[in-house]
Protein backbone atom coordinates (compact mmCIF):
# COMPACT_ATOMS: atom_id res chain seq x y z
CA MET A 1 -57.10 -25.97 25.29
CA SER A 2 -54.76 -24.12 22.88
CA VAL A 3 -54.19 -24.45 19.05
CA LEU A 4 -51.92 -27.71 19.78
CA GLY A 5 -53.99 -29.37 21.76
CA PHE A 6 -52.06 -28.75 25.25
CA CYS A 7 -53.97 -27.53 28.31
CA THR A 8 -53.02 -23.83 28.72
CA THR A 9 -54.16 -23.50 32.23
CA GLU A 10 -51.68 -25.05 35.20
CA PRO A 11 -52.86 -28.14 36.88
CA SER A 12 -54.00 -27.54 40.64
CA SER A 13 -51.16 -29.83 41.92
CA PHE A 14 -48.67 -27.53 40.15
CA ARG A 15 -50.33 -24.45 41.65
CA ASN A 16 -50.38 -25.63 45.16
CA GLU A 17 -46.42 -26.52 44.97
CA ARG A 18 -46.01 -23.13 43.81
CA SER A 19 -47.54 -21.52 46.58
CA LEU A 20 -46.08 -23.70 48.84
CA ARG A 21 -42.66 -22.77 47.64
CA MET A 22 -43.49 -19.20 47.74
CA LYS A 23 -44.50 -19.26 51.12
CA LYS A 24 -41.32 -20.93 52.01
CA ILE A 25 -39.01 -17.98 50.82
CA PRO A 26 -39.74 -15.44 53.66
CA LEU A 27 -38.71 -17.77 55.80
CA LEU A 28 -35.37 -18.26 53.95
CA ILE A 29 -35.08 -14.25 53.95
CA LEU A 30 -35.69 -13.89 57.78
CA CYS A 31 -32.86 -16.76 58.38
CA LEU A 32 -30.41 -14.93 55.77
CA VAL A 33 -31.07 -11.58 57.41
CA ILE A 34 -30.25 -12.97 60.95
CA THR A 35 -27.34 -14.74 59.99
CA ALA A 36 -25.51 -12.87 56.90
CA GLY A 37 -27.70 -9.74 57.83
CA PHE A 38 -27.23 -9.12 61.91
CA PHE A 39 -24.55 -11.23 62.81
CA GLY A 40 -22.75 -10.38 59.64
CA PHE A 41 -23.07 -6.71 60.19
CA CYS A 42 -22.14 -7.05 63.91
CA CYS A 43 -18.61 -8.52 62.78
CA VAL A 44 -17.97 -6.59 60.06
CA ASN A 45 -18.16 -3.47 62.17
CA GLN A 46 -15.92 -5.11 64.64
CA ILE A 47 -13.16 -5.69 61.69
CA GLN A 48 -13.65 -1.97 60.10
CA GLN A 49 -13.28 -0.31 63.49
CA ASP A 50 -10.45 -2.45 64.10
CA TYR A 51 -9.93 -0.29 67.43
CA ALA A 52 -6.77 -3.01 68.27
CA GLY A 53 -4.84 -2.14 65.33
CA ILE A 54 -4.70 -5.29 63.83
CA TYR A 55 -4.40 -3.97 60.16
CA ARG A 56 -2.64 -0.90 61.11
CA GLY A 57 0.49 -2.53 62.28
CA ALA A 58 0.09 -3.01 65.86
CA ILE A 59 0.74 -6.57 66.11
CA HIS A 60 3.15 -8.74 63.81
CA LEU A 61 0.66 -10.70 61.18
CA PRO A 62 1.57 -13.47 59.63
CA THR A 63 1.88 -13.58 55.70
CA PHE A 64 -1.21 -15.91 55.66
CA PHE A 65 -3.50 -13.13 57.27
CA PRO A 66 -6.20 -12.52 55.02
CA SER A 67 -6.83 -8.97 53.96
CA GLU A 68 -9.55 -6.96 55.70
CA ASN A 69 -11.66 -7.20 52.30
CA VAL A 70 -11.09 -11.05 52.56
CA LEU A 71 -12.02 -11.15 56.01
CA ILE A 72 -15.29 -9.62 55.56
CA ALA A 73 -16.56 -11.45 52.50
CA VAL A 74 -15.39 -14.62 53.52
CA GLN A 75 -17.32 -14.35 56.70
CA ILE A 76 -20.35 -12.72 55.30
CA ILE A 77 -20.57 -15.98 52.91
CA LEU A 78 -20.29 -18.23 55.63
CA LEU A 79 -22.80 -16.84 57.72
CA ALA A 80 -25.16 -16.74 54.67
CA LEU A 81 -24.24 -20.31 54.47
CA VAL A 82 -25.27 -21.27 58.15
CA GLY A 83 -28.52 -19.09 57.16
CA ILE A 84 -29.28 -21.76 54.31
CA ALA A 85 -28.35 -24.34 56.67
CA VAL A 86 -30.68 -22.64 59.32
CA TRP A 87 -33.52 -22.56 57.14
CA PHE A 88 -33.47 -26.24 55.90
CA ILE A 89 -33.33 -27.31 59.74
CA LEU A 90 -36.50 -25.16 60.19
CA GLU A 91 -38.36 -26.61 56.97
CA ARG A 92 -37.89 -30.34 58.25
CA GLN A 93 -40.72 -31.94 60.02
CA ILE A 94 -39.16 -33.17 63.09
CA ASN A 95 -39.23 -33.24 67.05
CA PRO A 96 -39.49 -29.67 67.91
CA ASN A 97 -36.99 -30.40 70.73
CA ARG A 98 -34.51 -32.04 68.59
CA LYS A 99 -35.07 -28.71 66.27
CA LYS A 100 -34.56 -26.25 68.75
CA ASN A 101 -31.40 -27.83 70.40
CA VAL A 102 -29.50 -27.53 66.64
CA LEU A 103 -31.07 -24.08 66.71
CA ILE A 104 -29.47 -22.86 69.93
CA ASN A 105 -26.38 -24.41 69.43
CA THR A 106 -26.20 -22.95 66.22
CA LEU A 107 -26.86 -19.35 67.56
CA ILE A 108 -24.56 -19.99 70.36
CA LEU A 109 -21.71 -20.84 67.34
CA LEU A 110 -22.61 -17.73 65.60
CA GLY A 111 -22.43 -15.91 69.43
CA LEU A 112 -18.49 -17.51 68.90
CA ILE A 113 -17.73 -16.16 65.72
CA PHE A 114 -19.02 -12.78 66.81
CA CYS A 115 -16.89 -12.76 70.26
CA TRP A 116 -13.25 -13.98 68.24
CA ASN A 117 -14.27 -10.90 66.04
CA PHE A 118 -14.51 -8.43 69.22
CA LEU A 119 -11.68 -10.16 71.11
CA MET A 120 -9.29 -10.00 67.55
CA PHE A 121 -10.44 -6.68 66.52
CA ASN A 122 -11.76 -4.57 69.54
CA THR A 123 -9.06 -5.91 72.60
CA GLY A 124 -6.37 -7.38 70.42
CA ASN A 125 -6.72 -10.35 73.19
CA LEU A 126 -5.04 -13.38 70.88
CA THR A 127 -5.22 -15.42 73.55
CA GLY A 128 -8.76 -14.99 74.27
CA ALA A 129 -9.31 -15.41 70.73
CA LEU A 130 -7.62 -18.53 70.65
CA VAL A 131 -9.49 -20.06 73.63
CA LEU A 132 -12.61 -18.88 71.79
CA VAL A 133 -11.75 -20.88 68.18
CA ILE A 134 -11.12 -24.00 70.11
CA ALA A 135 -14.19 -23.92 71.98
CA GLY A 136 -15.52 -22.92 68.42
CA ILE A 137 -14.53 -25.99 66.87
CA ILE A 138 -15.72 -28.46 69.54
CA LEU A 139 -19.04 -26.49 69.26
CA GLY A 140 -19.00 -26.69 65.30
CA LEU A 141 -18.31 -30.40 64.82
CA ILE A 142 -21.28 -30.69 67.22
CA VAL A 143 -23.62 -28.40 65.20
CA LEU A 144 -22.58 -30.00 62.03
CA SER A 145 -23.68 -33.38 63.39
CA MET A 146 -26.64 -32.30 64.45
CA ALA A 147 -27.47 -30.40 61.58
CA TRP A 148 -26.35 -33.43 59.67
CA LEU A 149 -28.79 -35.65 61.42
CA VAL A 150 -31.82 -33.44 60.77
CA ASP A 151 -31.19 -32.37 57.44
CA HIS A 152 -27.98 -34.12 55.41
CA ARG A 153 -28.03 -30.59 53.26
CA ALA A 154 -27.90 -28.64 56.62
CA GLY A 155 -24.92 -30.69 57.89
CA TYR A 156 -23.12 -30.14 54.80
CA LEU A 157 -23.35 -26.67 54.86
CA MET A 158 -21.84 -26.50 58.10
CA ILE A 159 -18.86 -28.03 56.76
CA PRO A 160 -16.83 -24.34 55.31
CA ILE A 161 -17.87 -22.43 58.57
CA ASN A 162 -15.95 -25.64 60.49
CA VAL A 163 -12.89 -25.44 58.05
CA TRP A 164 -13.04 -21.70 58.37
CA ILE A 165 -12.69 -22.30 62.24
CA ILE A 166 -9.99 -24.73 61.68
CA TYR A 167 -8.04 -21.98 59.63
CA LEU A 168 -8.70 -19.56 62.58
CA ILE A 169 -6.98 -21.77 65.18
CA ILE A 170 -4.08 -22.22 62.91
CA LEU A 171 -4.19 -18.61 62.48
CA ASN A 172 -4.38 -18.11 66.05
CA ILE A 173 -1.41 -19.86 67.15
CA SER A 174 0.67 -18.16 64.50
CA LEU A 175 -0.53 -14.72 65.93
CA THR A 176 0.04 -15.71 69.46
CA VAL A 177 3.42 -17.11 68.40
CA LEU A 178 4.71 -13.88 66.51
CA ASN A 179 3.63 -11.77 69.25
């Protein structure tokens, strides 16, 4: 007991809760490393190399085409949000098959985002990139609904990536029309 009559030691339930929270942090870091770290690095690498010359004037860009730094920042933030959503899904105690299905579809969605960057900035294939983002919105909505059924917070975190994919569809349509 302290001078004021309060207990100075932590209750055991508080200590157990804190240690349980501390055990979850490495999984969150792993999810962020895989999504924002690995996929983010791959996407940033494609954008910065820009073999197709998108930012060097090889094609006509619409006025609302984001600058290189904005594109990189937005993609890293969105991939980090997906990583947090994956963490929420992994932390949930649900049927392992359901969890596996959501995670596999999320991984495929991340692959589609990488492939869009590859087609856009490595090969300059505007039509292929448009087809990919159309498939991406379909898969993105499926992943959003699956994630929402597992954990509402994960579903909400998938909304920004779907909005981004809709923006990419508009961007790709305008690029295809201009070029």
